[in-house]
C-alpha atoms as a PDB file:
ATOM      1  CA  MET A   1       0.000   0.000   0.000  1.00  0.00           C
ATOM      2  CA  SER A   2       1.088   3.504  -0.628  1.00  0.00           C
ATOM      3  CA  LYS A   3       1.614   6.124   2.000  1.00  0.00           C
ATOM      4  CA  LYS A   4      -1.601   7.611   3.326  1.00  0.00           C
ATOM      5  CA  ILE A   5      -2.236  11.098   2.049  1.00  0.00           C
ATOM      6  CA  ASN A   6      -3.127  13.728   4.594  1.00  0.00           C
ATOM      7  CA  TYR A   7      -6.071  15.429   2.937  1.00  0.00           C
ATOM      8  CA  THR A   8      -6.563  17.774   5.882  1.00  0.00           C
ATOM      9  CA  ASP A   9      -4.419  20.206   3.918  1.00  0.00           C
ATOM     10  CA  PHE A  10      -7.411  20.397   1.559  1.00  0.00           C
ATOM     11  CA  THR A  11     -10.343  19.793   3.888  1.00  0.00           C
ATOM     12  CA  PRO A  12     -10.746  19.962   7.664  1.00  0.00           C
ATOM     13  CA  ASP A  13     -13.341  17.169   7.519  1.00  0.00           C
ATOM     14  CA  SER A  14     -12.106  13.863   8.963  1.00  0.00           C
ATOM     15  CA  VAL A  15     -14.931  11.955   7.259  1.00  0.00           C
ATOM     16  CA  VAL A  16     -13.927  13.283   3.846  1.00  0.00           C
ATOM     17  CA  ASP A  17     -10.295  12.479   4.675  1.00  0.00           C
ATOM     18  CA  ALA A  18     -11.200   8.880   5.510  1.00  0.00           C
ATOM     19  CA  ILE A  19     -13.230   8.443   2.331  1.00  0.00           C
ATOM     20  CA  LEU A  20     -10.513   9.888   0.109  1.00  0.00           C
ATOM     21  CA  ASN A  21      -8.016   7.426   1.587  1.00  0.00           C
ATOM     22  CA  LYS A  22     -10.490   4.582   0.996  1.00  0.00           C
ATOM     23  CA  PHE A  23     -10.706   5.595  -2.678  1.00  0.00           C
ATOM     24  CA  VAL A  24      -6.924   5.448  -2.955  1.00  0.00           C
ATOM     25  CA  ASP A  25      -6.829   2.035  -1.226  1.00  0.00           C
ATOM     26  CA  ARG A  26      -9.582   0.710  -3.492  1.00  0.00           C
ATOM     27  CA  ALA A  27      -7.811   1.925  -6.628  1.00  0.00           C
ATOM     28  CA  GLU A  28      -4.604   0.212  -5.510  1.00  0.00           C
ATOM     29  CA  MET A  29      -6.444  -3.020  -4.711  1.00  0.00           C
ATOM     30  CA  GLY A  30      -8.200  -2.955  -8.078  1.00  0.00           C
ATOM     31  CA  PHE A  31      -4.953  -2.460  -9.918  1.00  0.00           C
ATOM     32  CA  LYS A  32      -3.270  -5.308  -8.032  1.00  0.00           C
ATOM     33  CA  LYS A  33      -6.223  -7.638  -8.578  1.00  0.00           C
ATOM     34  CA  TYR A  34      -7.060  -6.786 -12.206  1.00  0.00           C
ATOM     35  CA  ASN A  35      -3.822  -5.171 -13.403  1.00  0.00           C
ATOM     36  CA  ASN A  36      -5.957  -2.393 -14.819  1.00  0.00           C
ATOM     37  CA  THR A  37      -7.388   1.006 -13.896  1.00  0.00           C
ATOM     38  CA  LEU A  38     -10.598   2.855 -14.594  1.00  0.00           C
ATOM     39  CA  ASP A  39      -8.778   4.464 -17.513  1.00  0.00           C
ATOM     40  CA  ARG A  40      -9.197   1.203 -19.424  1.00  0.00           C
ATOM     41  CA  LYS A  41     -10.798   1.421 -22.856  1.00  0.00           C
ATOM     42  CA  ASP A  42     -11.925  -2.187 -23.363  1.00  0.00           C
ATOM     43  CA  LEU A  43     -15.426  -1.818 -21.911  1.00  0.00           C
ATOM     44  CA  SER A  44     -18.436  -0.320 -23.629  1.00  0.00           C
ATOM     45  CA  LYS A  45     -20.644   2.270 -21.983  1.00  0.00           C
ATOM     46  CA  VAL A  46     -23.257  -0.429 -21.378  1.00  0.00           C
ATOM     47  CA  GLU A  47     -20.653  -2.647 -19.712  1.00  0.00           C
ATOM     48  CA  TRP A  48     -19.682   0.238 -17.417  1.00  0.00           C
ATOM     49  CA  ILE A  49     -23.360   0.732 -16.574  1.00  0.00           C
ATOM     50  CA  ASN A  50     -23.713  -2.990 -15.834  1.00  0.00           C
ATOM     51  CA  HIS A  51     -20.718  -2.890 -13.483  1.00  0.00           C
ATOM     52  CA  ALA A  52     -22.179   0.116 -11.668  1.00  0.00           C
ATOM     53  CA  GLN A  53     -25.600  -1.533 -11.361  1.00  0.00           C
ATOM     54  CA  GLU A  54     -24.064  -4.694  -9.909  1.00  0.00           C
ATOM     55  CA  GLU A  55     -22.055  -2.715  -7.354  1.00  0.00           C
ATOM     56  CA  LEU A  56     -25.090  -0.656  -6.339  1.00  0.00           C
ATOM     57  CA  MET A  57     -27.271  -3.766  -6.023  1.00  0.00           C
ATOM     58  CA  ASP A  58     -24.661  -5.288  -3.707  1.00  0.00           C
ATOM     59  CA  GLY A  59     -24.739  -2.112  -1.632  1.00  0.00           C
ATOM     60  CA  ILE A  60     -28.528  -2.275  -1.320  1.00  0.00           C
ATOM     61  CA  LEU A  61     -28.268  -5.903  -0.168  1.00  0.00           C
ATOM     62  CA  TYR A  62     -25.693  -4.990   2.490  1.00  0.00           C
ATOM     63  CA  LEU A  63     -27.900  -2.147   3.740  1.00  0.00           C
ATOM     64  CA  GLN A  64     -30.963  -4.416   3.910  1.00  0.00           C
ATOM     65  CA  ARG A  65     -29.015  -7.013   5.864  1.00  0.00           C
ATOM     66  CA  LEU A  66     -27.885  -4.404   8.390  1.00  0.00           C
ATOM     67  CA  LYS A  67     -31.389  -2.934   8.605  1.00  0.00           C
ATOM     68  CA  GLN A  68     -32.804  -6.384   9.393  1.00  0.00           C
ATOM     69  CA  GLU A  69     -30.173  -6.879  12.094  1.00  0.00           C
ATOM     70  CA  ILE A  70     -31.029  -3.507  13.672  1.00  0.00           C
ATOM     71  CA  ASN A  71     -34.750  -4.331  13.552  1.00  0.00           C
ATOM     72  CA  ASP A  72     -34.143  -7.780  15.052  1.00  0.00           C
ATOM     73  CA  GLN A  73     -32.117  -6.276  17.906  1.00  0.00           C
ATOM     74  CA  ALA A  74     -34.840  -3.681  18.560  1.00  0.00           C
ATOM     75  CA  THR A  75     -37.476  -6.414  18.661  1.00  0.00           C
ATOM     76  CA  GLU A  76     -35.404  -8.537  21.050  1.00  0.00           C
ATOM     77  CA  SER A  77     -34.899  -5.622  23.444  1.00  0.00           C
ATOM     78  CA  ASN A  78     -38.638  -4.834  23.608  1.00  0.00           C
END
């Protein structure tokens, strides 16, 4: 992994700082795993849309799972 960048020179927001570092980590992981970057030219616009849809659907599933866990815990405590 590369050195963490201190984004507080650009923003005083620790949440933004954490997210920017996560983007850098994710880009590095993607390059190591796929030996490619988002600058690649081998995918069509529709393929890019499909990738985005799949990622967003995964995110919705993760949120639903967490929501169910929160609801289950609230029910148990009542």
